[in-house]
Amino acid sequence: MNTGVRPDLDHRCLSPNPCSLVLSTLTDVLAEEPDRKCFRLIGGVLVERTVKDVVPALQTNRDGIRKAVKSLADQYQSKEKEFDTFKQDYKIRLVKA
């Protein structure tokens, strides 16, 4: 079963998260200059913050994205197994046209 969902989900699981890339850069800055100003896009508005304010928010976002992607992957695998069972129970074969 290869729909548009599976490749997109694989891409989300395997590609580096933009939050992680930014966090790896800001972690060094946080150690040296926690009060250094940085800018963050929130709801289409560019907001000036300090690094020590932005890093925890980015960590929360990164963790939320990881959790959502894992949940979607688990749901997808569950539905894929359910579909395979359904095909076996009703002897359904997929025919390519």
PDB file of N, CA and C in Angstrom:
ATOM      1  N   MET A   1       0.851  -1.174   0.000  1.00  0.00           N
ATOM      2  CA  MET A   1       0.000   0.000   0.000  1.00  0.00           C
ATOM      3  C   MET A   1       0.898   1.240   0.000  1.00  0.00           C
ATOM      4  N   ASN A   2       0.932   1.924  -1.115  1.00  0.00           N
ATOM      5  CA  ASN A   2       1.793   3.090  -1.243  1.00  0.00           C
ATOM      6  C   ASN A   2       0.953   4.288  -1.660  1.00  0.00           C
ATOM      7  N   THR A   3       0.457   5.007  -0.678  1.00  0.00           N
ATOM      8  CA  THR A   3      -0.343   6.190  -0.961  1.00  0.00           C
ATOM      9  C   THR A   3       0.501   7.427  -0.730  1.00  0.00           C
ATOM     10  N   GLY A   4      -0.103   8.568  -0.834  1.00  0.00           N
ATOM     11  CA  GLY A   4       0.609   9.812  -0.606  1.00  0.00           C
ATOM     12  C   GLY A   4       0.962  10.026   0.852  1.00  0.00           C
ATOM     13  N   VAL A   5       0.334   9.277   1.743  1.00  0.00           N
ATOM     14  CA  VAL A   5       0.567   9.454   3.176  1.00  0.00           C
ATOM     15  C   VAL A   5       1.907   8.854   3.592  1.00  0.00           C
ATOM     16  N   ARG A   6       2.197   7.680   3.110  1.00  0.00           N
ATOM     17  CA  ARG A   6       3.402   6.969   3.544  1.00  0.00           C
ATOM     18  C   ARG A   6       4.702   7.717   3.189  1.00  0.00           C
ATOM     19  N   PRO A   7       4.877   8.159   1.944  1.00  0.00           N
ATOM     20  CA  PRO A   7       6.117   8.893   1.646  1.00  0.00           C
ATOM     21  C   PRO A   7       6.257  10.175   2.462  1.00  0.00           C
ATOM     22  N   ASP A   8       5.142  10.865   2.696  1.00  0.00           N
ATOM     23  CA  ASP A   8       5.191  12.091   3.495  1.00  0.00           C
ATOM     24  C   ASP A   8       5.572  11.772   4.938  1.00  0.00           C
ATOM     25  N   LEU A   9       5.027  10.701   5.481  1.00  0.00           N
ATOM     26  CA  LEU A   9       5.344  10.295   6.844  1.00  0.00           C
ATOM     27  C   LEU A   9       6.808   9.870   6.958  1.00  0.00           C
ATOM     28  N   ASP A  10       7.294   9.145   5.953  1.00  0.00           N
ATOM     29  CA  ASP A  10       8.711   8.762   5.948  1.00  0.00           C
ATOM     30  C   ASP A  10       9.601   9.995   5.908  1.00  0.00           C
ATOM     31  N   HIS A  11       9.210  10.963   5.109  1.00  0.00           N
ATOM     32  CA  HIS A  11       9.988  12.202   5.016  1.00  0.00           C
ATOM     33  C   HIS A  11      10.027  12.906   6.367  1.00  0.00           C
ATOM     34  N   ARG A  12       8.900  12.963   7.060  1.00  0.00           N
ATOM     35  CA  ARG A  12       8.836  13.618   8.371  1.00  0.00           C
ATOM     36  C   ARG A  12       9.695  12.884   9.399  1.00  0.00           C
ATOM     37  N   CYS A  13       9.736  11.567   9.319  1.00  0.00           N
ATOM     38  CA  CYS A  13      10.512  10.789  10.293  1.00  0.00           C
ATOM     39  C   CYS A  13      12.013  10.883  10.039  1.00  0.00           C
ATOM     40  N   LEU A  14      12.409  10.957   8.785  1.00  0.00           N
ATOM     41  CA  LEU A  14      13.819  10.875   8.451  1.00  0.00           C
ATOM     42  C   LEU A  14      14.504  12.225   8.290  1.00  0.00           C
ATOM     43  N   SER A  15      13.744  13.252   7.940  1.00  0.00           N
ATOM     44  CA  SER A  15      14.381  14.551   7.712  1.00  0.00           C
ATOM     45  C   SER A  15      14.648  15.257   9.037  1.00  0.00           C
ATOM     46  N   PRO A  16      15.715  16.037   9.078  1.00  0.00           N
ATOM     47  CA  PRO A  16      15.995  16.776  10.314  1.00  0.00           C
ATOM     48  C   PRO A  16      14.940  17.853  10.541  1.00  0.00           C
ATOM     49  N   ASN A  17      14.552  17.978  11.763  1.00  0.00           N
ATOM     50  CA  ASN A  17      13.545  18.963  12.136  1.00  0.00           C
ATOM     51  C   ASN A  17      14.189  20.349  12.169  1.00  0.00           C
ATOM     52  N   PRO A  18      13.556  21.374  11.572  1.00  0.00           N
ATOM     53  CA  PRO A  18      14.134  22.720  11.622  1.00  0.00           C
ATOM     54  C   PRO A  18      14.369  23.205  13.053  1.00  0.00           C
ATOM     55  N   CYS A  19      13.510  22.820  13.973  1.00  0.00           N
ATOM     56  CA  CYS A  19      13.705  23.216  15.376  1.00  0.00           C
ATOM     57  C   CYS A  19      15.017  22.647  15.910  1.00  0.00           C
ATOM     58  N   SER A  20      15.352  21.420  15.538  1.00  0.00           N
ATOM     59  CA  SER A  20      16.590  20.805  16.011  1.00  0.00           C
ATOM     60  C   SER A  20      17.814  21.512  15.458  1.00  0.00           C
ATOM     61  N   LEU A  21      17.727  21.924  14.198  1.00  0.00           N
ATOM     62  CA  LEU A  21      18.850  22.636  13.597  1.00  0.00           C
ATOM     63  C   LEU A  21      19.084  23.979  14.290  1.00  0.00           C
ATOM     64  N   VAL A  22      18.009  24.692  14.557  1.00  0.00           N
ATOM     65  CA  VAL A  22      18.123  25.986  15.232  1.00  0.00           C
ATOM     66  C   VAL A  22      18.597  25.782  16.669  1.00  0.00           C
ATOM     67  N   LEU A  23      18.060  24.768  17.341  1.00  0.00           N
ATOM     68  CA  LEU A  23      18.454  24.503  18.725  1.00  0.00           C
ATOM     69  C   LEU A  23      19.940  24.153  18.840  1.00  0.00           C
ATOM     70  N   SER A  24      20.456  23.410  17.889  1.00  0.00           N
ATOM     71  CA  SER A  24      21.880  23.065  17.956  1.00  0.00           C
ATOM     72  C   SER A  24      22.737  24.321  17.846  1.00  0.00           C
ATOM     73  N   THR A  25      22.288  25.283  17.074  1.00  0.00           N
ATOM     74  CA  THR A  25      23.024  26.545  16.956  1.00  0.00           C
ATOM     75  C   THR A  25      22.864  27.394  18.212  1.00  0.00           C
ATOM     76  N   LEU A  26      21.640  27.484  18.699  1.00  0.00           N
ATOM     77  CA  LEU A  26      21.374  28.355  19.847  1.00  0.00           C
ATOM     78  C   LEU A  26      21.908  27.801  21.168  1.00  0.00           C
ATOM     79  N   THR A  27      22.160  26.512  21.252  1.00  0.00           N
ATOM     80  CA  THR A  27      22.679  25.934  22.481  1.00  0.00           C
ATOM     81  C   THR A  27      24.054  26.510  22.807  1.00  0.00           C
ATOM     82  N   ASP A  28      24.887  26.647  21.789  1.00  0.00           N
ATOM     83  CA  ASP A  28      26.208  27.247  21.995  1.00  0.00           C
ATOM     84  C   ASP A  28      26.082  28.705  22.424  1.00  0.00           C
ATOM     85  N   VAL A  29      25.167  29.420  21.777  1.00  0.00           N
ATOM     86  CA  VAL A  29      24.962  30.836  22.103  1.00  0.00           C
ATOM     87  C   VAL A  29      24.403  30.970  23.513  1.00  0.00           C
ATOM     88  N   LEU A  30      23.523  30.059  23.906  1.00  0.00           N
ATOM     89  CA  LEU A  30      22.920  30.106  25.242  1.00  0.00           C
ATOM     90  C   LEU A  30      23.989  29.987  26.323  1.00  0.00           C
ATOM     91  N   ALA A  31      24.992  29.165  26.097  1.00  0.00           N
ATOM     92  CA  ALA A  31      26.055  28.982  27.086  1.00  0.00           C
ATOM     93  C   ALA A  31      26.928  30.238  27.204  1.00  0.00           C
ATOM     94  N   GLU A  32      27.157  30.893  26.081  1.00  0.00           N
ATOM     95  CA  GLU A  32      28.052  32.047  26.088  1.00  0.00           C
ATOM     96  C   GLU A  32      27.332  33.380  26.334  1.00  0.00           C
ATOM     97  N   GLU A  33      26.203  33.586  25.653  1.00  0.00           N
ATOM     98  CA  GLU A  33      25.487  34.863  25.742  1.00  0.00           C
ATOM     99  C   GLU A  33      23.979  34.629  25.871  1.00  0.00           C
ATOM    100  N   PRO A  34      23.477  34.300  27.048  1.00  0.00           N
ATOM    101  CA  PRO A  34      22.045  34.015  27.180  1.00  0.00           C
ATOM    102  C   PRO A  34      21.146  35.230  26.931  1.00  0.00           C
ATOM    103  N   ASP A  35      21.681  36.434  27.102  1.00  0.00           N
ATOM    104  CA  ASP A  35      20.867  37.632  26.894  1.00  0.00           C
ATOM    105  C   ASP A  35      20.972  38.195  25.478  1.00  0.00           C
ATOM    106  N   ARG A  36      21.633  37.476  24.613  1.00  0.00           N
ATOM    107  CA  ARG A  36      21.751  37.921  23.219  1.00  0.00           C
ATOM    108  C   ARG A  36      20.377  37.915  22.571  1.00  0.00           C
ATOM    109  N   LYS A  37      20.091  38.944  21.794  1.00  0.00           N
ATOM    110  CA  LYS A  37      18.769  39.010  21.185  1.00  0.00           C
ATOM    111  C   LYS A  37      18.706  38.143  19.945  1.00  0.00           C
ATOM    112  N   CYS A  38      17.539  37.590  19.734  1.00  0.00           N
ATOM    113  CA  CYS A  38      17.271  36.822  18.531  1.00  0.00           C
ATOM    114  C   CYS A  38      15.828  37.090  18.132  1.00  0.00           C
ATOM    115  N   PHE A  39      15.461  36.657  16.953  1.00  0.00           N
ATOM    116  CA  PHE A  39      14.131  36.934  16.442  1.00  0.00           C
ATOM    117  C   PHE A  39      13.422  35.627  16.161  1.00  0.00           C
ATOM    118  N   ARG A  40      12.117  35.648  16.432  1.00  0.00           N
ATOM    119  CA  ARG A  40      11.309  34.447  16.259  1.00  0.00           C
ATOM    120  C   ARG A  40      10.015  34.832  15.558  1.00  0.00           C
ATOM    121  N   LEU A  41       9.601  34.010  14.617  1.00  0.00           N
ATOM    122  CA  LEU A  41       8.364  34.254  13.885  1.00  0.00           C
ATOM    123  C   LEU A  41       7.223  33.560  14.616  1.00  0.00           C
ATOM    124  N   ILE A  42       6.291  34.351  15.142  1.00  0.00           N
ATOM    125  CA  ILE A  42       5.151  33.809  15.879  1.00  0.00           C
ATOM    126  C   ILE A  42       3.879  34.291  15.205  1.00  0.00           C
ATOM    127  N   GLY A  43       3.157  33.363  14.594  1.00  0.00           N
ATOM    128  CA  GLY A  43       1.900  33.717  13.939  1.00  0.00           C
ATOM    129  C   GLY A  43       2.069  34.749  12.840  1.00  0.00           C
ATOM    130  N   GLY A  44       3.169  34.695  12.117  1.00  0.00           N
ATOM    131  CA  GLY A  44       3.405  35.630  11.030  1.00  0.00           C
ATOM    132  C   GLY A  44       3.984  36.961  11.466  1.00  0.00           C
ATOM    133  N   VAL A  45       4.274  37.104  12.765  1.00  0.00           N
ATOM    134  CA  VAL A  45       4.842  38.342  13.290  1.00  0.00           C
ATOM    135  C   VAL A  45       6.252  38.056  13.800  1.00  0.00           C
ATOM    136  N   LEU A  46       7.206  38.860  13.363  1.00  0.00           N
ATOM    137  CA  LEU A  46       8.583  38.702  13.814  1.00  0.00           C
ATOM    138  C   LEU A  46       8.736  39.396  15.163  1.00  0.00           C
ATOM    139  N   VAL A  47       9.136  38.617  16.177  1.00  0.00           N
ATOM    140  CA  VAL A  47       9.203  39.115  17.544  1.00  0.00           C
ATOM    141  C   VAL A  47      10.643  39.037  18.037  1.00  0.00           C
ATOM    142  N   GLU A  48      11.082  40.086  18.720  1.00  0.00           N
ATOM    143  CA  GLU A  48      12.427  40.094  19.282  1.00  0.00           C
ATOM    144  C   GLU A  48      12.379  39.492  20.681  1.00  0.00           C
ATOM    145  N   ARG A  49      13.235  38.529  20.935  1.00  0.00           N
ATOM    146  CA  ARG A  49      13.348  37.862  22.229  1.00  0.00           C
ATOM    147  C   ARG A  49      14.827  37.685  22.564  1.00  0.00           C
ATOM    148  N   THR A  50      15.086  37.116  23.725  1.00  0.00           N
ATOM    149  CA  THR A  50      16.455  36.733  24.059  1.00  0.00           C
ATOM    150  C   THR A  50      16.601  35.231  23.830  1.00  0.00           C
ATOM    151  N   VAL A  51      17.823  34.790  23.706  1.00  0.00           N
ATOM    152  CA  VAL A  51      18.090  33.375  23.465  1.00  0.00           C
ATOM    153  C   VAL A  51      17.545  32.529  24.608  1.00  0.00           C
ATOM    154  N   LYS A  52      17.695  33.023  25.848  1.00  0.00           N
ATOM    155  CA  LYS A  52      17.223  32.224  26.990  1.00  0.00           C
ATOM    156  C   LYS A  52      15.698  32.091  27.002  1.00  0.00           C
ATOM    157  N   ASP A  53      14.977  32.993  26.332  1.00  0.00           N
ATOM    158  CA  ASP A  53      13.524  32.878  26.227  1.00  0.00           C
ATOM    159  C   ASP A  53      13.104  31.959  25.081  1.00  0.00           C
ATOM    160  N   VAL A  54      13.874  31.952  24.017  1.00  0.00           N
ATOM    161  CA  VAL A  54      13.501  31.211  22.815  1.00  0.00           C
ATOM    162  C   VAL A  54      13.819  29.727  22.920  1.00  0.00           C
ATOM    163  N   VAL A  55      14.939  29.378  23.528  1.00  0.00           N
ATOM    164  CA  VAL A  55      15.374  27.976  23.571  1.00  0.00           C
ATOM    165  C   VAL A  55      14.333  27.058  24.223  1.00  0.00           C
ATOM    166  N   PRO A  56      13.767  27.387  25.387  1.00  0.00           N
ATOM    167  CA  PRO A  56      12.757  26.481  25.956  1.00  0.00           C
ATOM    168  C   PRO A  56      11.520  26.321  25.063  1.00  0.00           C
ATOM    169  N   ALA A  57      11.105  27.406  24.409  1.00  0.00           N
ATOM    170  CA  ALA A  57       9.950  27.316  23.509  1.00  0.00           C
ATOM    171  C   ALA A  57      10.253  26.415  22.315  1.00  0.00           C
ATOM    172  N   LEU A  58      11.449  26.520  21.770  1.00  0.00           N
ATOM    173  CA  LEU A  58      11.838  25.664  20.650  1.00  0.00           C
ATOM    174  C   LEU A  58      11.936  24.203  21.071  1.00  0.00           C
ATOM    175  N   GLN A  59      12.422  23.956  22.282  1.00  0.00           N
ATOM    176  CA  GLN A  59      12.497  22.578  22.773  1.00  0.00           C
ATOM    177  C   GLN A  59      11.096  21.987  22.913  1.00  0.00           C
ATOM    178  N   THR A  60      10.166  22.780  23.404  1.00  0.00           N
ATOM    179  CA  THR A  60       8.783  22.329  23.530  1.00  0.00           C
ATOM    180  C   THR A  60       8.186  22.031  22.157  1.00  0.00           C
ATOM    181  N   ASN A  61       8.431  22.925  21.193  1.00  0.00           N
ATOM    182  CA  ASN A  61       7.938  22.704  19.831  1.00  0.00           C
ATOM    183  C   ASN A  61       8.532  21.441  19.219  1.00  0.00           C
ATOM    184  N   ARG A  62       9.839  21.255  19.375  1.00  0.00           N
ATOM    185  CA  ARG A  62      10.506  20.081  18.821  1.00  0.00           C
ATOM    186  C   ARG A  62       9.931  18.796  19.426  1.00  0.00           C
ATOM    187  N   ASP A  63       9.754  18.789  20.742  1.00  0.00           N
ATOM    188  CA  ASP A  63       9.210  17.603  21.405  1.00  0.00           C
ATOM    189  C   ASP A  63       7.782  17.324  20.954  1.00  0.00           C
ATOM    190  N   GLY A  64       7.001  18.377  20.784  1.00  0.00           N
ATOM    191  CA  GLY A  64       5.621  18.212  20.310  1.00  0.00           C
ATOM    192  C   GLY A  64       5.567  17.663  18.898  1.00  0.00           C
ATOM    193  N   ILE A  65       6.453  18.141  18.036  1.00  0.00           N
ATOM    194  CA  ILE A  65       6.502  17.648  16.657  1.00  0.00           C
ATOM    195  C   ILE A  65       6.913  16.181  16.636  1.00  0.00           C
ATOM    196  N   ARG A  66       7.920  15.834  17.427  1.00  0.00           N
ATOM    197  CA  ARG A  66       8.360  14.430  17.486  1.00  0.00           C
ATOM    198  C   ARG A  66       7.234  13.522  17.972  1.00  0.00           C
ATOM    199  N   LYS A  67       6.521  13.981  18.994  1.00  0.00           N
ATOM    200  CA  LYS A  67       5.427  13.181  19.544  1.00  0.00           C
ATOM    201  C   LYS A  67       4.312  13.007  18.513  1.00  0.00           C
ATOM    202  N   ALA A  68       3.989  14.075  17.792  1.00  0.00           N
ATOM    203  CA  ALA A  68       2.927  14.006  16.780  1.00  0.00           C
ATOM    204  C   ALA A  68       3.323  13.080  15.631  1.00  0.00           C
ATOM    205  N   VAL A  69       4.555  13.161  15.172  1.00  0.00           N
ATOM    206  CA  VAL A  69       5.015  12.302  14.079  1.00  0.00           C
ATOM    207  C   VAL A  69       5.018  10.846  14.522  1.00  0.00           C
ATOM    208  N   LYS A  70       5.453  10.579  15.746  1.00  0.00           N
ATOM    209  CA  LYS A  70       5.448   9.200  16.248  1.00  0.00           C
ATOM    210  C   LYS A  70       4.021   8.667  16.345  1.00  0.00           C
ATOM    211  N   SER A  71       3.113   9.505  16.825  1.00  0.00           N
ATOM    212  CA  SER A  71       1.713   9.103  16.928  1.00  0.00           C
ATOM    213  C   SER A  71       1.129   8.796  15.545  1.00  0.00           C
ATOM    214  N   LEU A  72       1.428   9.645  14.569  1.00  0.00           N
ATOM    215  CA  LEU A  72       0.935   9.407  13.213  1.00  0.00           C
ATOM    216  C   LEU A  72       1.523   8.132  12.618  1.00  0.00           C
ATOM    217  N   ALA A  73       2.791   7.897  12.874  1.00  0.00           N
ATOM    218  CA  ALA A  73       3.429   6.679  12.367  1.00  0.00           C
ATOM    219  C   ALA A  73       2.789   5.439  12.990  1.00  0.00           C
ATOM    220  N   ASP A  74       2.530   5.483  14.283  1.00  0.00           N
ATOM    221  CA  ASP A  74       1.885   4.352  14.963  1.00  0.00           C
ATOM    222  C   ASP A  74       0.479   4.119  14.424  1.00  0.00           C
ATOM    223  N   GLN A  75      -0.275   5.196  14.220  1.00  0.00           N
ATOM    224  CA  GLN A  75      -1.630   5.078  13.676  1.00  0.00           C
ATOM    225  C   GLN A  75      -1.595   4.500  12.263  1.00  0.00           C
ATOM    226  N   TYR A  76      -0.632   4.965  11.481  1.00  0.00           N
ATOM    227  CA  TYR A  76      -0.524   4.479  10.106  1.00  0.00           C
ATOM    228  C   TYR A  76      -0.219   2.982  10.083  1.00  0.00           C
ATOM    229  N   GLN A  77       0.719   2.541  10.924  1.00  0.00           N
ATOM    230  CA  GLN A  77       1.058   1.116  10.971  1.00  0.00           C
ATOM    231  C   GLN A  77      -0.135   0.292  11.418  1.00  0.00           C
ATOM    232  N   SER A  78      -0.889   0.805  12.367  1.00  0.00           N
ATOM    233  CA  SER A  78      -2.076   0.103  12.849  1.00  0.00           C
ATOM    234  C   SER A  78      -3.103  -0.051  11.731  1.00  0.00           C
ATOM    235  N   LYS A  79      -3.342   1.021  10.997  1.00  0.00           N
ATOM    236  CA  LYS A  79      -4.314   0.969   9.890  1.00  0.00           C
ATOM    237  C   LYS A  79      -3.817   0.079   8.759  1.00  0.00           C
ATOM    238  N   GLU A  80      -2.517   0.071   8.535  1.00  0.00           N
ATOM    239  CA  GLU A  80      -1.952  -0.783   7.505  1.00  0.00           C
ATOM    240  C   GLU A  80      -2.165  -2.258   7.856  1.00  0.00           C
ATOM    241  N   LYS A  81      -1.946  -2.620   9.122  1.00  0.00           N
ATOM    242  CA  LYS A  81      -2.182  -3.997   9.569  1.00  0.00           C
ATOM    243  C   LYS A  81      -3.664  -4.345   9.472  1.00  0.00           C
ATOM    244  N   GLU A  82      -4.518  -3.400   9.868  1.00  0.00           N
ATOM    245  CA  GLU A  82      -5.962  -3.613   9.790  1.00  0.00           C
ATOM    246  C   GLU A  82      -6.396  -3.843   8.341  1.00  0.00           C
ATOM    247  N   PHE A  83      -5.834  -3.074   7.427  1.00  0.00           N
ATOM    248  CA  PHE A  83      -6.153  -3.216   6.006  1.00  0.00           C
ATOM    249  C   PHE A  83      -5.690  -4.567   5.474  1.00  0.00           C
ATOM    250  N   ASP A  84      -4.485  -4.995   5.876  1.00  0.00           N
ATOM    251  CA  ASP A  84      -3.981  -6.302   5.435  1.00  0.00           C
ATOM    252  C   ASP A  84      -4.866  -7.435   5.946  1.00  0.00           C
ATOM    253  N   THR A  85      -5.292  -7.335   7.191  1.00  0.00           N
ATOM    254  CA  THR A  85      -6.196  -8.335   7.756  1.00  0.00           C
ATOM    255  C   THR A  85      -7.518  -8.361   7.003  1.00  0.00           C
ATOM    256  N   PHE A  86      -8.033  -7.193   6.675  1.00  0.00           N
ATOM    257  CA  PHE A  86      -9.280  -7.075   5.921  1.00  0.00           C
ATOM    258  C   PHE A  86      -9.131  -7.726   4.546  1.00  0.00           C
ATOM    259  N   LYS A  87      -7.998  -7.482   3.885  1.00  0.00           N
ATOM    260  CA  LYS A  87      -7.762  -8.082   2.565  1.00  0.00           C
ATOM    261  C   LYS A  87      -7.714  -9.598   2.661  1.00  0.00           C
ATOM    262  N   GLN A  88      -7.065 -10.120   3.707  1.00  0.00           N
ATOM    263  CA  GLN A  88      -6.968 -11.567   3.863  1.00  0.00           C
ATOM    264  C   GLN A  88      -8.322 -12.172   4.199  1.00  0.00           C
ATOM    265  N   ASP A  89      -9.096 -11.535   5.075  1.00  0.00           N
ATOM    266  CA  ASP A  89     -10.395 -12.070   5.484  1.00  0.00           C
ATOM    267  C   ASP A  89     -11.371 -12.155   4.312  1.00  0.00           C
ATOM    268  N   TYR A  90     -11.339 -11.169   3.445  1.00  0.00           N
ATOM    269  CA  TYR A  90     -12.289 -11.111   2.336  1.00  0.00           C
ATOM    270  C   TYR A  90     -11.651 -11.452   0.991  1.00  0.00           C
ATOM    271  N   LYS A  91     -10.437 -12.014   1.041  1.00  0.00           N
ATOM    272  CA  LYS A  91      -9.717 -12.451  -0.161  1.00  0.00           C
ATOM    273  C   LYS A  91      -9.708 -11.366  -1.253  1.00  0.00           C
ATOM    274  N   ILE A  92      -9.278 -10.203  -0.853  1.00  0.00           N
ATOM    275  CA  ILE A  92      -9.205  -9.074  -1.770  1.00  0.00           C
ATOM    276  C   ILE A  92      -7.776  -8.966  -2.289  1.00  0.00           C
ATOM    277  N   ARG A  93      -7.680  -8.832  -3.604  1.00  0.00           N
ATOM    278  CA  ARG A  93      -6.378  -8.625  -4.237  1.00  0.00           C
ATOM    279  C   ARG A  93      -6.391  -7.264  -4.906  1.00  0.00           C
ATOM    280  N   LEU A  94      -5.285  -6.548  -4.781  1.00  0.00           N
ATOM    281  CA  LEU A  94      -5.168  -5.266  -5.462  1.00  0.00           C
ATOM    282  C   LEU A  94      -4.652  -5.527  -6.866  1.00  0.00           C
ATOM    283  N   VAL A  95      -5.342  -4.956  -7.838  1.00  0.00           N
ATOM    284  CA  VAL A  95      -4.975  -5.132  -9.243  1.00  0.00           C
ATOM    285  C   VAL A  95      -4.514  -3.786  -9.780  1.00  0.00           C
ATOM    286  N   LYS A  96      -3.331  -3.779 -10.364  1.00  0.00           N
ATOM    287  CA  LYS A  96      -2.847  -2.544 -10.983  1.00  0.00           C
ATOM    288  C   LYS A  96      -3.443  -2.421 -12.369  1.00  0.00           C
ATOM    289  N   ALA A  97      -3.904  -1.237 -12.672  1.00  0.00           N
ATOM    290  CA  ALA A  97      -4.545  -1.025 -13.982  1.00  0.00           C
ATOM    291  C   ALA A  97      -3.534  -0.636 -15.027  1.00  0.00           C
TER     292      ALA A  97
END
